[in-house]
C-alpha atoms as a PDB file:
ATOM      1  CA  MET A   1      -4.387   7.399  -1.791  1.00  0.00           C
ATOM      2  CA  THR A   2      -2.094   5.074  -3.336  1.00  0.00           C
ATOM      3  CA  ARG A   3      -3.254   1.599  -4.869  1.00  0.00           C
ATOM      4  CA  THR A   4      -0.746  -0.492  -6.551  1.00  0.00           C
ATOM      5  CA  PHE A   5      -1.407  -3.387  -9.084  1.00  0.00           C
ATOM      6  CA  THR A   6       1.306  -5.767  -9.392  1.00  0.00           C
ATOM      7  CA  PHE A   7       1.667  -8.574 -12.095  1.00  0.00           C
ATOM      8  CA  PRO A   8       4.482 -11.238 -11.563  1.00  0.00           C
ATOM      9  CA  VAL A   9       6.819 -11.835 -14.561  1.00  0.00           C
ATOM     10  CA  MET A  10       9.783 -13.934 -13.597  1.00  0.00           C
ATOM     11  CA  GLU A  11      11.486 -13.744 -16.999  1.00  0.00           C
ATOM     12  CA  ILE A  12      15.043 -12.717 -18.419  1.00  0.00           C
ATOM     13  CA  GLU A  13      14.739  -9.457 -19.764  1.00  0.00           C
ATOM     14  CA  PRO A  14      11.209  -9.443 -21.348  1.00  0.00           C
ATOM     15  CA  PRO A  15       9.373  -6.864 -23.262  1.00  0.00           C
ATOM     16  CA  LEU A  16       7.244  -4.962 -20.697  1.00  0.00           C
ATOM     17  CA  GLU A  17       5.610  -2.250 -22.781  1.00  0.00           C
ATOM     18  CA  ALA A  18       2.356  -4.363 -23.533  1.00  0.00           C
ATOM     19  CA  ARG A  19       2.126  -5.758 -20.108  1.00  0.00           C
ATOM     20  CA  PHE A  20       2.257  -2.537 -18.517  1.00  0.00           C
ATOM     21  CA  ARG A  21      -0.645  -1.162 -20.897  1.00  0.00           C
ATOM     22  CA  SER A  22      -2.697  -4.385 -19.792  1.00  0.00           C
ATOM     23  CA  LEU A  23      -1.983  -3.643 -16.018  1.00  0.00           C
ATOM     24  CA  GLU A  24      -2.777   0.085 -16.419  1.00  0.00           C
ATOM     25  CA  SER A  25      -6.113  -1.129 -18.092  1.00  0.00           C
ATOM     26  CA  GLU A  26      -6.774  -3.550 -15.023  1.00  0.00           C
ATOM     27  CA  ALA A  27      -6.142  -0.737 -12.559  1.00  0.00           C
ATOM     28  CA  ALA A  28      -8.369   1.981 -14.522  1.00  0.00           C
ATOM     29  CA  LYS A  29     -11.390  -0.375 -14.181  1.00  0.00           C
ATOM     30  CA  ALA A  30     -10.534  -1.447 -10.474  1.00  0.00           C
ATOM     31  CA  MET A  31     -10.171   2.447  -9.834  1.00  0.00           C
ATOM     32  CA  GLU A  32     -13.536   3.711 -11.604  1.00  0.00           C
ATOM     33  CA  SER A  33     -15.395   0.646 -10.125  1.00  0.00           C
ATOM     34  CA  GLU A  34     -14.495   2.166  -6.971  1.00  0.00           C
ATOM     35  CA  GLY A  35     -15.577   5.588  -7.494  1.00  0.00           C
ATOM     36  CA  PHE A  36     -12.068   7.227  -8.763  1.00  0.00           C
ATOM     37  CA  SER A  37     -12.418   8.755 -12.263  1.00  0.00           C
ATOM     38  CA  ALA A  38      -9.465  10.843 -11.993  1.00  0.00           C
ATOM     39  CA  PHE A  39      -6.209   9.455 -10.901  1.00  0.00           C
ATOM     40  CA  LYS A  40      -2.504   9.226 -12.203  1.00  0.00           C
ATOM     41  CA  THR A  41      -0.488   5.843 -12.812  1.00  0.00           C
ATOM     42  CA  SER A  42       3.225   5.246 -12.727  1.00  0.00           C
ATOM     43  CA  ARG A  43       5.271   2.156 -13.796  1.00  0.00           C
ATOM     44  CA  HIS A  44       7.528   0.244 -11.643  1.00  0.00           C
ATOM     45  CA  LEU A  45       9.156  -2.919 -12.040  1.00  0.00           C
ATOM     46  CA  GLU A  46      11.252  -5.223  -9.777  1.00  0.00           C
ATOM     47  CA  SER A  47      14.694  -6.549 -11.378  1.00  0.00           C
ATOM     48  CA  ARG A  48      17.545  -8.689 -10.077  1.00  0.00           C
ATOM     49  CA  TYR A  49      20.558 -10.368 -11.765  1.00  0.00           C
ATOM     50  CA  LEU A  50      19.734 -13.562 -12.321  1.00  0.00           C
ATOM     51  CA  GLY A  51      20.308 -15.862  -9.300  1.00  0.00           C
ATOM     52  CA  GLN A  52      20.433 -12.908  -6.700  1.00  0.00           C
ATOM     53  CA  SER A  53      17.564 -13.315  -4.042  1.00  0.00           C
ATOM     54  CA  HIS A  54      17.037  -9.582  -3.854  1.00  0.00           C
ATOM     55  CA  GLU A  55      15.083  -7.266  -6.298  1.00  0.00           C
ATOM     56  CA  LEU A  56      15.539  -3.487  -7.017  1.00  0.00           C
ATOM     57  CA  LEU A  57      12.309  -1.277  -7.437  1.00  0.00           C
ATOM     58  CA  LEU A  58      12.886   0.925 -10.539  1.00  0.00           C
ATOM     59  CA  PRO A  59      10.650   3.109 -12.390  1.00  0.00           C
ATOM     60  CA  PHE A  60       9.959   2.022 -15.808  1.00  0.00           C
ATOM     61  CA  ARG A  61      10.580   4.344 -18.549  1.00  0.00           C
ATOM     62  CA  SER A  62      10.557   2.232 -21.967  1.00  0.00           C
ATOM     63  CA  ASP A  63      11.680  -1.590 -22.950  1.00  0.00           C
ATOM     64  CA  SER A  64      14.870  -0.022 -24.404  1.00  0.00           C
ATOM     65  CA  ARG A  65      15.973   1.538 -21.229  1.00  0.00           C
ATOM     66  CA  THR A  66      15.219  -1.192 -18.680  1.00  0.00           C
ATOM     67  CA  ARG A  67      18.623  -2.850 -18.707  1.00  0.00           C
ATOM     68  CA  LEU A  68      20.365   0.342 -18.779  1.00  0.00           C
ATOM     69  CA  ASP A  69      18.151   2.021 -15.887  1.00  0.00           C
ATOM     70  CA  PHE A  70      18.962  -1.351 -13.785  1.00  0.00           C
ATOM     71  CA  ASP A  71      22.649  -1.467 -14.418  1.00  0.00           C
ATOM     72  CA  ALA A  72      22.750   2.266 -13.493  1.00  0.00           C
ATOM     73  CA  ARG A  73      20.856   2.130 -10.121  1.00  0.00           C
ATOM     74  CA  HIS A  74      22.744  -1.652  -9.076  1.00  0.00           C
ATOM     75  CA  LYS A  75      26.193   0.415  -9.608  1.00  0.00           C
ATOM     76  CA  GLU A  76      24.731   3.379  -7.546  1.00  0.00           C
ATOM     77  CA  LEU A  77      23.381   1.167  -4.729  1.00  0.00           C
ATOM     78  CA  TYR A  78      26.223  -1.184  -4.856  1.00  0.00           C
ATOM     79  CA  GLY A  79      29.224   0.148  -6.629  1.00  0.00           C
ATOM     80  CA  TYR A  80      29.212  -2.301  -9.652  1.00  0.00           C
ATOM     81  CA  SER A  81      27.318  -3.867 -12.438  1.00  0.00           C
ATOM     82  CA  LEU A  82      27.502  -7.168 -14.056  1.00  0.00           C
ATOM     83  CA  PRO A  83      27.008  -8.556 -17.499  1.00  0.00           C
ATOM     84  CA  ASP A  84      25.069 -11.057 -16.004  1.00  0.00           C
ATOM     85  CA  LYS A  85      21.173 -11.804 -17.323  1.00  0.00           C
ATOM     86  CA  MET A  86      18.775  -9.413 -15.708  1.00  0.00           C
ATOM     87  CA  GLU A  87      15.567 -10.909 -14.429  1.00  0.00           C
ATOM     88  CA  VAL A  88      12.131  -8.933 -14.172  1.00  0.00           C
ATOM     89  CA  VAL A  89      10.398 -10.365 -11.132  1.00  0.00           C
ATOM     90  CA  ASN A  90       7.203  -8.164 -11.092  1.00  0.00           C
ATOM     91  CA  ILE A  91       5.983  -5.260 -12.808  1.00  0.00           C
ATOM     92  CA  ARG A  92       3.842  -2.734 -10.916  1.00  0.00           C
ATOM     93  CA  VAL A  93       1.426   0.075 -11.689  1.00  0.00           C
ATOM     94  CA  ARG A  94       0.568   2.592  -8.877  1.00  0.00           C
ATOM     95  CA  ALA A  95      -2.675   4.453  -9.241  1.00  0.00           C
ATOM     96  CA  THR A  96      -2.554   7.764  -7.269  1.00  0.00           C
ATOM     97  CA  VAL A  97      -5.774   9.678  -6.402  1.00  0.00           C
ATOM     98  CA  GLY A  98      -5.222  13.276  -4.960  1.00  0.00           C
ATOM     99  CA  GLY A  99      -7.461  15.742  -3.801  1.00  0.00           C
ATOM    100  CA  ARG A 100     -10.748  15.031  -1.993  1.00  0.00           C
ATOM    101  CA  VAL A 101     -11.604  11.263  -1.974  1.00  0.00           C
ATOM    102  CA  PRO A 102     -15.277  10.315  -2.223  1.00  0.00           C
ATOM    103  CA  PRO A 103     -17.647  10.831   0.674  1.00  0.00           C
ATOM    104  CA  THR A 104     -18.071   7.022   1.707  1.00  0.00           C
ATOM    105  CA  LEU A 105     -16.708   3.631   0.932  1.00  0.00           C
ATOM    106  CA  ARG A 106     -18.371   2.082   4.147  1.00  0.00           C
ATOM    107  CA  SER A 107     -21.978   0.972   4.350  1.00  0.00           C
ATOM    108  CA  THR A 108     -24.485   3.889   5.335  1.00  0.00           C
ATOM    109  CA  GLN A 109     -25.999   1.226   7.999  1.00  0.00           C
ATOM    110  CA  THR A 110     -25.614   2.497  11.437  1.00  0.00           C
ATOM    111  CA  PRO A 111     -22.564   0.648  13.059  1.00  0.00           C
ATOM    112  CA  SER A 112     -22.766  -1.996  15.588  1.00  0.00           C
ATOM    113  CA  ARG A 113     -21.831  -0.642  18.818  1.00  0.00           C
ATOM    114  CA  THR A 114     -21.632  -4.252  20.658  1.00  0.00           C
ATOM    115  CA  ARG A 115     -17.480  -4.870  20.127  1.00  0.00           C
ATOM    116  CA  ARG A 116     -16.200  -2.867  22.701  1.00  0.00           C
ATOM    117  CA  SER A 117     -14.070  -4.495  25.722  1.00  0.00           C
ATOM    118  CA  VAL A 118     -10.928  -3.659  27.594  1.00  0.00           C
ATOM    119  CA  ARG A 119      -7.756  -5.875  27.216  1.00  0.00           C
ATOM    120  CA  ARG A 120      -4.288  -5.748  29.404  1.00  0.00           C
ATOM    121  CA  ALA A 121      -1.466  -5.039  26.585  1.00  0.00           C
ATOM    122  CA  TRP A 122       1.887  -3.842  26.532  1.00  0.00           C
ATOM    123  CA  VAL A 123       1.416  -0.164  24.737  1.00  0.00           C
ATOM    124  CA  GLY A 124       4.224   2.670  25.460  1.00  0.00           C
ATOM    125  CA  SER A 125       6.467   1.112  27.681  1.00  0.00           C
ATOM    126  CA  GLU A 126       4.044  -0.417  30.061  1.00  0.00           C
ATOM    127  CA  ILE A 127       1.330  -2.907  30.633  1.00  0.00           C
ATOM    128  CA  SER A 128      -2.164  -1.261  30.955  1.00  0.00           C
ATOM    129  CA  ASP A 129      -5.486  -2.016  30.301  1.00  0.00           C
ATOM    130  CA  VAL A 130      -6.482  -0.745  26.697  1.00  0.00           C
ATOM    131  CA  ALA A 131     -10.021  -0.037  25.296  1.00  0.00           C
ATOM    132  CA  VAL A 132     -10.462  -2.382  22.481  1.00  0.00           C
ATOM    133  CA  LEU A 133     -12.797  -1.019  19.569  1.00  0.00           C
ATOM    134  CA  SER A 134     -14.095  -2.840  16.326  1.00  0.00           C
ATOM    135  CA  ARG A 135     -13.276  -0.517  13.384  1.00  0.00           C
ATOM    136  CA  SER A 136     -16.524  -1.630  12.110  1.00  0.00           C
ATOM    137  CA  SER A 137     -18.396  -0.226  15.217  1.00  0.00           C
ATOM    138  CA  LEU A 138     -16.823   3.313  14.699  1.00  0.00           C
ATOM    139  CA  ARG A 139     -18.898   6.115  13.268  1.00  0.00           C
ATOM    140  CA  ASP A 140     -17.506   8.364  10.625  1.00  0.00           C
ATOM    141  CA  HIS A 141     -15.556  11.223  12.329  1.00  0.00           C
ATOM    142  CA  GLU A 142     -15.814   9.658  15.566  1.00  0.00           C
ATOM    143  CA  ALA A 143     -12.403  10.514  17.427  1.00  0.00           C
ATOM    144  CA  GLY A 144     -10.801   8.860  20.502  1.00  0.00           C
ATOM    145  CA  SER A 145      -7.268   8.949  22.214  1.00  0.00           C
ATOM    146  CA  GLY A 146      -4.764   6.214  23.132  1.00  0.00           C
ATOM    147  CA  PRO A 147      -3.996   4.188  24.683  1.00  0.00           C
ATOM    148  CA  SER A 148      -6.450   1.871  22.470  1.00  0.00           C
ATOM    149  CA  ILE A 149      -6.518  -1.111  20.195  1.00  0.00           C
ATOM    150  CA  ILE A 150      -8.442  -0.676  17.263  1.00  0.00           C
ATOM    151  CA  GLU A 151      -9.278  -4.372  15.192  1.00  0.00           C
ATOM    152  CA  ASP A 152     -10.435  -4.777  11.606  1.00  0.00           C
ATOM    153  CA  TYR A 153     -11.012  -7.711   9.732  1.00  0.00           C
ATOM    154  CA  ASP A 154      -7.586  -7.793   8.262  1.00  0.00           C
ATOM    155  CA  SER A 155      -5.221  -5.522  10.679  1.00  0.00           C
ATOM    156  CA  THR A 156      -5.100  -4.352  14.108  1.00  0.00           C
ATOM    157  CA  LEU A 157      -3.883  -0.683  15.200  1.00  0.00           C
ATOM    158  CA  VAL A 158      -2.301   0.164  18.429  1.00  0.00           C
ATOM    159  CA  VAL A 159      -2.573   3.589  19.439  1.00  0.00           C
ATOM    160  CA  ASN A 160      -0.013   4.623  21.693  1.00  0.00           C
ATOM    161  CA  PRO A 161      -0.767   6.751  24.932  1.00  0.00           C
ATOM    162  CA  SER A 162      -0.177  10.221  23.555  1.00  0.00           C
ATOM    163  CA  TRP A 163      -2.014   9.714  20.215  1.00  0.00           C
ATOM    164  CA  ARG A 164      -5.042  10.441  18.994  1.00  0.00           C
ATOM    165  CA  TRP A 165      -7.286   8.608  16.658  1.00  0.00           C
ATOM    166  CA  SER A 166     -10.251   9.841  14.314  1.00  0.00           C
ATOM    167  CA  ALA A 167     -12.350   7.551  12.237  1.00  0.00           C
ATOM    168  CA  THR A 168     -12.813   7.970   8.303  1.00  0.00           C
ATOM    169  CA  SER A 169     -14.934   6.266   5.624  1.00  0.00           C
ATOM    170  CA  TYR A 170     -11.594   4.582   4.541  1.00  0.00           C
ATOM    171  CA  GLY A 171     -10.038   3.938   7.639  1.00  0.00           C
ATOM    172  CA  VAL A 172      -8.371   5.497  10.983  1.00  0.00           C
ATOM    173  CA  LYS A 173      -6.303   8.324  11.018  1.00  0.00           C
ATOM    174  CA  LEU A 174      -3.776   8.933  13.663  1.00  0.00           C
ATOM    175  CA  GLU A 175      -2.263  12.106  15.034  1.00  0.00           C
ATOM    176  CA  ARG A 176       0.627  12.156  17.275  1.00  0.00           C
END
């Protein structure tokens, strides 16, 4: 599992080390509050030449390497680098948890079984009647197959006809 923490910068070639330390501290507090005591972090930045409308995502090694790394990556991707000013748009800290995740994040209350329905939907290559499930109504380790639609408070998952799904404490896992 990976969680990304982002801080907007929007400055010309600023020093970043202290900002990364602050963002890593914020990430550590958040991860620990969610039950993750062991995780690895990595640093990244989004930069562009001043006036460009797109950014490059780069690993951050040090303040002294930022401009050199940006120019090298820009030249690698586009065949040139410029003497123009470099703008740092965002910095990012990725916190990655390996191995086994904590046993549950969802409530231990019995899920409500009320939000199941059928809807006509275009899934795969045809319109058909599709089971619609509420993510909050699924029990851990409950499984099913497509076609189906699983709705959550912030997303909708469409399960294609030949796929299988299984509910976990952290979401829905899909298998082809």
